[in-house]
Amino acid sequence: MLIDTNKIVSMTEANQNFSVVAKQAEENGCVVIFKNNNPKYILLDISACRLELPKSDERIEKAAKRKISQAKWL
């Protein structure tokens, strides 16, 4: 995993200066928080996430139809 060194903060820094770390996450999209010299947490700016669900998800419709058909046989 490649991590931009500008996005790394220590757990101690995150605990003591959370508002500063949150501002870094806002500016960079995310911050990786290290604990014991290992990446442990990611602080993610929600606007950088941009998850969108499709308006019509066929998988959900298929699963619902399957459950309905199974219920008819009970």
PDB file of N, CA and C in Angstrom:
ATOM      1  N   MET A   1       0.842  -1.168   0.000  1.00  0.00           N
ATOM      2  CA  MET A   1       0.000   0.000   0.000  1.00  0.00           C
ATOM      3  C   MET A   1       0.892   1.237   0.000  1.00  0.00           C
ATOM      4  N   LEU A   2       0.660   2.117  -0.935  1.00  0.00           N
ATOM      5  CA  LEU A   2       1.413   3.366  -1.013  1.00  0.00           C
ATOM      6  C   LEU A   2       0.615   4.467  -0.329  1.00  0.00           C
ATOM      7  N   ILE A   3       1.283   5.181   0.578  1.00  0.00           N
ATOM      8  CA  ILE A   3       0.638   6.259   1.325  1.00  0.00           C
ATOM      9  C   ILE A   3       1.454   7.526   1.129  1.00  0.00           C
ATOM     10  N   ASP A   4       0.782   8.587   0.754  1.00  0.00           N
ATOM     11  CA  ASP A   4       1.425   9.892   0.625  1.00  0.00           C
ATOM     12  C   ASP A   4       1.897  10.336   2.009  1.00  0.00           C
ATOM     13  N   THR A   5       3.171  10.648   2.142  1.00  0.00           N
ATOM     14  CA  THR A   5       3.719  11.023   3.445  1.00  0.00           C
ATOM     15  C   THR A   5       3.104  12.303   4.008  1.00  0.00           C
ATOM     16  N   ASN A   6       2.525  13.123   3.166  1.00  0.00           N
ATOM     17  CA  ASN A   6       1.853  14.333   3.639  1.00  0.00           C
ATOM     18  C   ASN A   6       0.526  14.019   4.318  1.00  0.00           C
ATOM     19  N   LYS A   7       0.056  12.789   4.165  1.00  0.00           N
ATOM     20  CA  LYS A   7      -1.233  12.396   4.734  1.00  0.00           C
ATOM     21  C   LYS A   7      -1.075  11.518   5.972  1.00  0.00           C
ATOM     22  N   ILE A   8       0.122  11.408   6.509  1.00  0.00           N
ATOM     23  CA  ILE A   8       0.380  10.549   7.662  1.00  0.00           C
ATOM     24  C   ILE A   8       0.459  11.391   8.930  1.00  0.00           C
ATOM     25  N   VAL A   9      -0.240  10.951   9.970  1.00  0.00           N
ATOM     26  CA  VAL A   9      -0.120  11.558  11.296  1.00  0.00           C
ATOM     27  C   VAL A   9      -0.042  10.430  12.323  1.00  0.00           C
ATOM     28  N   SER A  10       0.535  10.733  13.455  1.00  0.00           N
ATOM     29  CA  SER A  10       0.633   9.733  14.518  1.00  0.00           C
ATOM     30  C   SER A  10      -0.651   9.729  15.340  1.00  0.00           C
ATOM     31  N   MET A  11      -0.862   8.652  16.054  1.00  0.00           N
ATOM     32  CA  MET A  11      -2.017   8.546  16.937  1.00  0.00           C
ATOM     33  C   MET A  11      -1.966   9.643  18.008  1.00  0.00           C
ATOM     34  N   THR A  12      -0.784   9.916  18.517  1.00  0.00           N
ATOM     35  CA  THR A  12      -0.624  10.961  19.530  1.00  0.00           C
ATOM     36  C   THR A  12      -1.048  12.319  18.990  1.00  0.00           C
ATOM     37  N   GLU A  13      -0.606  12.626  17.773  1.00  0.00           N
ATOM     38  CA  GLU A  13      -0.982  13.904  17.166  1.00  0.00           C
ATOM     39  C   GLU A  13      -2.483  13.967  16.928  1.00  0.00           C
ATOM     40  N   ALA A  14      -3.066  12.866  16.473  1.00  0.00           N
ATOM     41  CA  ALA A  14      -4.505  12.840  16.233  1.00  0.00           C
ATOM     42  C   ALA A  14      -5.285  13.052  17.529  1.00  0.00           C
ATOM     43  N   ASN A  15      -4.803  12.468  18.623  1.00  0.00           N
ATOM     44  CA  ASN A  15      -5.471  12.637  19.921  1.00  0.00           C
ATOM     45  C   ASN A  15      -5.322  14.056  20.451  1.00  0.00           C
ATOM     46  N   GLN A  16      -4.158  14.621  20.317  1.00  0.00           N
ATOM     47  CA  GLN A  16      -3.893  15.929  20.905  1.00  0.00           C
ATOM     48  C   GLN A  16      -4.379  17.089  20.043  1.00  0.00           C
ATOM     49  N   ASN A  17      -4.389  16.913  18.729  1.00  0.00           N
ATOM     50  CA  ASN A  17      -4.739  17.999  17.802  1.00  0.00           C
ATOM     51  C   ASN A  17      -5.753  17.524  16.765  1.00  0.00           C
ATOM     52  N   PHE A  18      -6.884  16.993  17.238  1.00  0.00           N
ATOM     53  CA  PHE A  18      -7.844  16.421  16.295  1.00  0.00           C
ATOM     54  C   PHE A  18      -8.339  17.440  15.277  1.00  0.00           C
ATOM     55  N   SER A  19      -8.571  18.672  15.700  1.00  0.00           N
ATOM     56  CA  SER A  19      -9.085  19.675  14.760  1.00  0.00           C
ATOM     57  C   SER A  19      -8.079  19.952  13.640  1.00  0.00           C
ATOM     58  N   VAL A  20      -6.793  19.928  13.962  1.00  0.00           N
ATOM     59  CA  VAL A  20      -5.758  20.134  12.943  1.00  0.00           C
ATOM     60  C   VAL A  20      -5.742  18.956  11.968  1.00  0.00           C
ATOM     61  N   VAL A  21      -5.844  17.750  12.514  1.00  0.00           N
ATOM     62  CA  VAL A  21      -5.844  16.543  11.675  1.00  0.00           C
ATOM     63  C   VAL A  21      -7.103  16.515  10.808  1.00  0.00           C
ATOM     64  N   ALA A  22      -8.242  16.912  11.374  1.00  0.00           N
ATOM     65  CA  ALA A  22      -9.481  16.962  10.601  1.00  0.00           C
ATOM     66  C   ALA A  22      -9.369  17.969   9.457  1.00  0.00           C
ATOM     67  N   LYS A  23      -8.719  19.090   9.706  1.00  0.00           N
ATOM     68  CA  LYS A  23      -8.516  20.082   8.649  1.00  0.00           C
ATOM     69  C   LYS A  23      -7.620  19.519   7.546  1.00  0.00           C
ATOM     70  N   GLN A  24      -6.587  18.746   7.930  1.00  0.00           N
ATOM     71  CA  GLN A  24      -5.732  18.096   6.934  1.00  0.00           C
ATOM     72  C   GLN A  24      -6.557  17.127   6.083  1.00  0.00           C
ATOM     73  N   ALA A  25      -7.445  16.376   6.722  1.00  0.00           N
ATOM     74  CA  ALA A  25      -8.298  15.442   5.984  1.00  0.00           C
ATOM     75  C   ALA A  25      -9.210  16.187   5.020  1.00  0.00           C
ATOM     76  N   GLU A  26      -9.694  17.322   5.457  1.00  0.00           N
ATOM     77  CA  GLU A  26     -10.554  18.137   4.592  1.00  0.00           C
ATOM     78  C   GLU A  26      -9.784  18.650   3.380  1.00  0.00           C
ATOM     79  N   GLU A  27      -8.550  19.060   3.584  1.00  0.00           N
ATOM     80  CA  GLU A  27      -7.737  19.596   2.494  1.00  0.00           C
ATOM     81  C   GLU A  27      -7.242  18.496   1.550  1.00  0.00           C
ATOM     82  N   ASN A  28      -6.862  17.336   2.109  1.00  0.00           N
ATOM     83  CA  ASN A  28      -6.256  16.264   1.312  1.00  0.00           C
ATOM     84  C   ASN A  28      -7.222  15.150   0.919  1.00  0.00           C
ATOM     85  N   GLY A  29      -8.415  15.162   1.482  1.00  0.00           N
ATOM     86  CA  GLY A  29      -9.365  14.092   1.202  1.00  0.00           C
ATOM     87  C   GLY A  29      -9.336  13.002   2.262  1.00  0.00           C
ATOM     88  N   CYS A  30      -8.147  12.707   2.794  1.00  0.00           N
ATOM     89  CA  CYS A  30      -8.041  11.722   3.866  1.00  0.00           C
ATOM     90  C   CYS A  30      -6.711  11.886   4.586  1.00  0.00           C
ATOM     91  N   VAL A  31      -6.641  11.302   5.775  1.00  0.00           N
ATOM     92  CA  VAL A  31      -5.417  11.272   6.569  1.00  0.00           C
ATOM     93  C   VAL A  31      -5.284   9.854   7.102  1.00  0.00           C
ATOM     94  N   VAL A  32      -4.083   9.300   7.048  1.00  0.00           N
ATOM     95  CA  VAL A  32      -3.813   7.976   7.595  1.00  0.00           C
ATOM     96  C   VAL A  32      -3.182   8.159   8.966  1.00  0.00           C
ATOM     97  N   ILE A  33      -3.797   7.549   9.966  1.00  0.00           N
ATOM     98  CA  ILE A  33      -3.304   7.659  11.337  1.00  0.00           C
ATOM     99  C   ILE A  33      -2.514   6.394  11.664  1.00  0.00           C
ATOM    100  N   PHE A  34      -1.266   6.605  12.068  1.00  0.00           N
ATOM    101  CA  PHE A  34      -0.373   5.490  12.398  1.00  0.00           C
ATOM    102  C   PHE A  34      -0.379   5.237  13.898  1.00  0.00           C
ATOM    103  N   LYS A  35      -0.390   3.978  14.269  1.00  0.00           N
ATOM    104  CA  LYS A  35      -0.263   3.572  15.662  1.00  0.00           C
ATOM    105  C   LYS A  35       0.848   2.536  15.736  1.00  0.00           C
ATOM    106  N   ASN A  36       1.839   2.777  16.581  1.00  0.00           N
ATOM    107  CA  ASN A  36       2.999   1.885  16.698  1.00  0.00           C
ATOM    108  C   ASN A  36       3.692   1.682  15.343  1.00  0.00           C
ATOM    109  N   ASN A  37       3.854   2.769  14.604  1.00  0.00           N
ATOM    110  CA  ASN A  37       4.536   2.782  13.302  1.00  0.00           C
ATOM    111  C   ASN A  37       3.862   1.927  12.231  1.00  0.00           C
ATOM    112  N   ASN A  38       2.572   1.690  12.386  1.00  0.00           N
ATOM    113  CA  ASN A  38       1.804   0.945  11.384  1.00  0.00           C
ATOM    114  C   ASN A  38       0.519   1.705  11.082  1.00  0.00           C
ATOM    115  N   PRO A  39       0.087   1.713   9.816  1.00  0.00           N
ATOM    116  CA  PRO A  39      -1.180   2.372   9.503  1.00  0.00           C
ATOM    117  C   PRO A  39      -2.320   1.653  10.210  1.00  0.00           C
ATOM    118  N   LYS A  40      -3.135   2.409  10.940  1.00  0.00           N
ATOM    119  CA  LYS A  40      -4.193   1.803  11.737  1.00  0.00           C
ATOM    120  C   LYS A  40      -5.574   2.332  11.362  1.00  0.00           C
ATOM    121  N   TYR A  41      -5.692   3.639  11.106  1.00  0.00           N
ATOM    122  CA  TYR A  41      -6.986   4.261  10.837  1.00  0.00           C
ATOM    123  C   TYR A  41      -6.872   5.215   9.656  1.00  0.00           C
ATOM    124  N   ILE A  42      -8.017   5.471   9.041  1.00  0.00           N
ATOM    125  CA  ILE A  42      -8.104   6.484   7.998  1.00  0.00           C
ATOM    126  C   ILE A  42      -9.198   7.457   8.397  1.00  0.00           C
ATOM    127  N   LEU A  43      -8.861   8.724   8.416  1.00  0.00           N
ATOM    128  CA  LEU A  43      -9.848   9.775   8.626  1.00  0.00           C
ATOM    129  C   LEU A  43     -10.189  10.305   7.242  1.00  0.00           C
ATOM    130  N   LEU A  44     -11.425  10.103   6.831  1.00  0.00           N
ATOM    131  CA  LEU A  44     -11.845  10.394   5.467  1.00  0.00           C
ATOM    132  C   LEU A  44     -12.844  11.540   5.448  1.00  0.00           C
ATOM    133  N   ASP A  45     -12.575  12.507   4.601  1.00  0.00           N
ATOM    134  CA  ASP A  45     -13.532  13.587   4.387  1.00  0.00           C
ATOM    135  C   ASP A  45     -14.676  13.014   3.558  1.00  0.00           C
ATOM    136  N   ILE A  46     -15.881  13.077   4.081  1.00  0.00           N
ATOM    137  CA  ILE A  46     -17.027  12.438   3.434  1.00  0.00           C
ATOM    138  C   ILE A  46     -17.271  12.983   2.028  1.00  0.00           C
ATOM    139  N   SER A  47     -16.954  14.246   1.787  1.00  0.00           N
ATOM    140  CA  SER A  47     -17.173  14.807   0.446  1.00  0.00           C
ATOM    141  C   SER A  47     -16.195  14.212  -0.562  1.00  0.00           C
ATOM    142  N   ALA A  48     -15.070  13.678  -0.094  1.00  0.00           N
ATOM    143  CA  ALA A  48     -14.108  13.039  -0.987  1.00  0.00           C
ATOM    144  C   ALA A  48     -14.549  11.632  -1.357  1.00  0.00           C
ATOM    145  N   CYS A  49     -15.494  11.097  -0.613  1.00  0.00           N
ATOM    146  CA  CYS A  49     -15.920   9.714  -0.802  1.00  0.00           C
ATOM    147  C   CYS A  49     -16.806   9.561  -2.040  1.00  0.00           C
ATOM    148  N   ARG A  50     -17.767  10.404  -2.215  1.00  0.00           N
ATOM    149  CA  ARG A  50     -18.662  10.426  -3.376  1.00  0.00           C
ATOM    150  C   ARG A  50     -19.194   9.054  -3.774  1.00  0.00           C
ATOM    151  N   LEU A  51     -19.783   8.364  -2.825  1.00  0.00           N
ATOM    152  CA  LEU A  51     -20.415   7.092  -3.124  1.00  0.00           C
ATOM    153  C   LEU A  51     -21.838   7.353  -3.592  1.00  0.00           C
ATOM    154  N   GLU A  52     -22.165   6.819  -4.725  1.00  0.00           N
ATOM    155  CA  GLU A  52     -23.517   6.976  -5.224  1.00  0.00           C
ATOM    156  C   GLU A  52     -24.075   5.610  -5.550  1.00  0.00           C
ATOM    157  N   LEU A  53     -25.276   5.358  -5.060  1.00  0.00           N
ATOM    158  CA  LEU A  53     -25.941   4.110  -5.396  1.00  0.00           C
ATOM    159  C   LEU A  53     -26.740   4.320  -6.673  1.00  0.00           C
ATOM    160  N   PRO A  54     -26.762   3.325  -7.523  1.00  0.00           N
ATOM    161  CA  PRO A  54     -27.582   3.458  -8.726  1.00  0.00           C
ATOM    162  C   PRO A  54     -29.052   3.596  -8.346  1.00  0.00           C
ATOM    163  N   LYS A  55     -29.801   4.293  -9.159  1.00  0.00           N
ATOM    164  CA  LYS A  55     -31.207   4.516  -8.851  1.00  0.00           C
ATOM    165  C   LYS A  55     -32.012   3.229  -8.932  1.00  0.00           C
ATOM    166  N   SER A  56     -31.623   2.337  -9.815  1.00  0.00           N
ATOM    167  CA  SER A  56     -32.307   1.061  -9.936  1.00  0.00           C
ATOM    168  C   SER A  56     -31.265  -0.041  -9.837  1.00  0.00           C
ATOM    169  N   ASP A  57     -31.208  -0.669  -8.705  1.00  0.00           N
ATOM    170  CA  ASP A  57     -30.223  -1.714  -8.497  1.00  0.00           C
ATOM    171  C   ASP A  57     -30.873  -3.065  -8.758  1.00  0.00           C
ATOM    172  N   GLU A  58     -30.533  -3.687  -9.895  1.00  0.00           N
ATOM    173  CA  GLU A  58     -31.142  -4.945 -10.289  1.00  0.00           C
ATOM    174  C   GLU A  58     -30.830  -6.063  -9.315  1.00  0.00           C
ATOM    175  N   ARG A  59     -29.655  -6.025  -8.680  1.00  0.00           N
ATOM    176  CA  ARG A  59     -29.309  -7.079  -7.735  1.00  0.00           C
ATOM    177  C   ARG A  59     -30.267  -7.087  -6.550  1.00  0.00           C
ATOM    178  N   ILE A  60     -30.651  -5.930  -6.075  1.00  0.00           N
ATOM    179  CA  ILE A  60     -31.594  -5.848  -4.965  1.00  0.00           C
ATOM    180  C   ILE A  60     -32.949  -6.378  -5.410  1.00  0.00           C
ATOM    181  N   GLU A  61     -33.365  -5.999  -6.606  1.00  0.00           N
ATOM    182  CA  GLU A  61     -34.646  -6.468  -7.119  1.00  0.00           C
ATOM    183  C   GLU A  61     -34.655  -7.986  -7.273  1.00  0.00           C
ATOM    184  N   LYS A  62     -33.560  -8.558  -7.791  1.00  0.00           N
ATOM    185  CA  LYS A  62     -33.475 -10.010  -7.955  1.00  0.00           C
ATOM    186  C   LYS A  62     -33.503 -10.711  -6.612  1.00  0.00           C
ATOM    187  N   ALA A  63     -32.779 -10.183  -5.636  1.00  0.00           N
ATOM    188  CA  ALA A  63     -32.762 -10.793  -4.307  1.00  0.00           C
ATOM    189  C   ALA A  63     -34.137 -10.722  -3.664  1.00  0.00           C
ATOM    190  N   ALA A  64     -34.820  -9.595  -3.838  1.00  0.00           N
ATOM    191  CA  ALA A  64     -36.163  -9.455  -3.272  1.00  0.00           C
ATOM    192  C   ALA A  64     -37.131 -10.440  -3.922  1.00  0.00           C
ATOM    193  N   LYS A  65     -37.058 -10.590  -5.232  1.00  0.00           N
ATOM    194  CA  LYS A  65     -37.927 -11.540  -5.930  1.00  0.00           C
ATOM    195  C   LYS A  65     -37.653 -12.968  -5.480  1.00  0.00           C
ATOM    196  N   ARG A  66     -36.379 -13.298  -5.270  1.00  0.00           N
ATOM    197  CA  ARG A  66     -36.025 -14.641  -4.825  1.00  0.00           C
ATOM    198  C   ARG A  66     -36.592 -14.912  -3.437  1.00  0.00           C
ATOM    199  N   LYS A  67     -36.479 -13.955  -2.532  1.00  0.00           N
ATOM    200  CA  LYS A  67     -37.014 -14.116  -1.190  1.00  0.00           C
ATOM    201  C   LYS A  67     -38.533 -14.244  -1.202  1.00  0.00           C
ATOM    202  N   ILE A  68     -39.182 -13.478  -2.064  1.00  0.00           N
ATOM    203  CA  ILE A  68     -40.639 -13.562  -2.178  1.00  0.00           C
ATOM    204  C   ILE A  68     -41.048 -14.927  -2.702  1.00  0.00           C
ATOM    205  N   SER A  69     -40.336 -15.423  -3.699  1.00  0.00           N
ATOM    206  CA  SER A  69     -40.695 -16.737  -4.244  1.00  0.00           C
ATOM    207  C   SER A  69     -40.439 -17.840  -3.226  1.00  0.00           C
ATOM    208  N   GLN A  70     -39.407 -17.709  -2.405  1.00  0.00           N
ATOM    209  CA  GLN A  70     -39.142 -18.691  -1.353  1.00  0.00           C
ATOM    210  C   GLN A  70     -40.235 -18.643  -0.291  1.00  0.00           C
ATOM    211  N   ALA A  71     -40.718 -17.466   0.020  1.00  0.00           N
ATOM    212  CA  ALA A  71     -41.762 -17.314   1.045  1.00  0.00           C
ATOM    213  C   ALA A  71     -43.077 -17.942   0.589  1.00  0.00           C
ATOM    214  N   LYS A  72     -43.348 -17.949  -0.707  1.00  0.00           N
ATOM    215  CA  LYS A  72     -44.590 -18.539  -1.220  1.00  0.00           C
ATOM    216  C   LYS A  72     -44.645 -20.039  -0.972  1.00  0.00           C
ATOM    217  N   TRP A  73     -43.496 -20.681  -0.920  1.00  0.00           N
ATOM    218  CA  TRP A  73     -43.449 -22.131  -0.752  1.00  0.00           C
ATOM    219  C   TRP A  73     -43.496 -22.553   0.710  1.00  0.00           C
ATOM    220  N   LEU A  74     -43.404 -21.638   1.633  1.00  0.00           N
ATOM    221  CA  LEU A  74     -43.417 -21.973   3.058  1.00  0.00           C
ATOM    222  C   LEU A  74     -44.787 -22.324   3.548  1.00  0.00           C
TER     223      LEU A  74
END
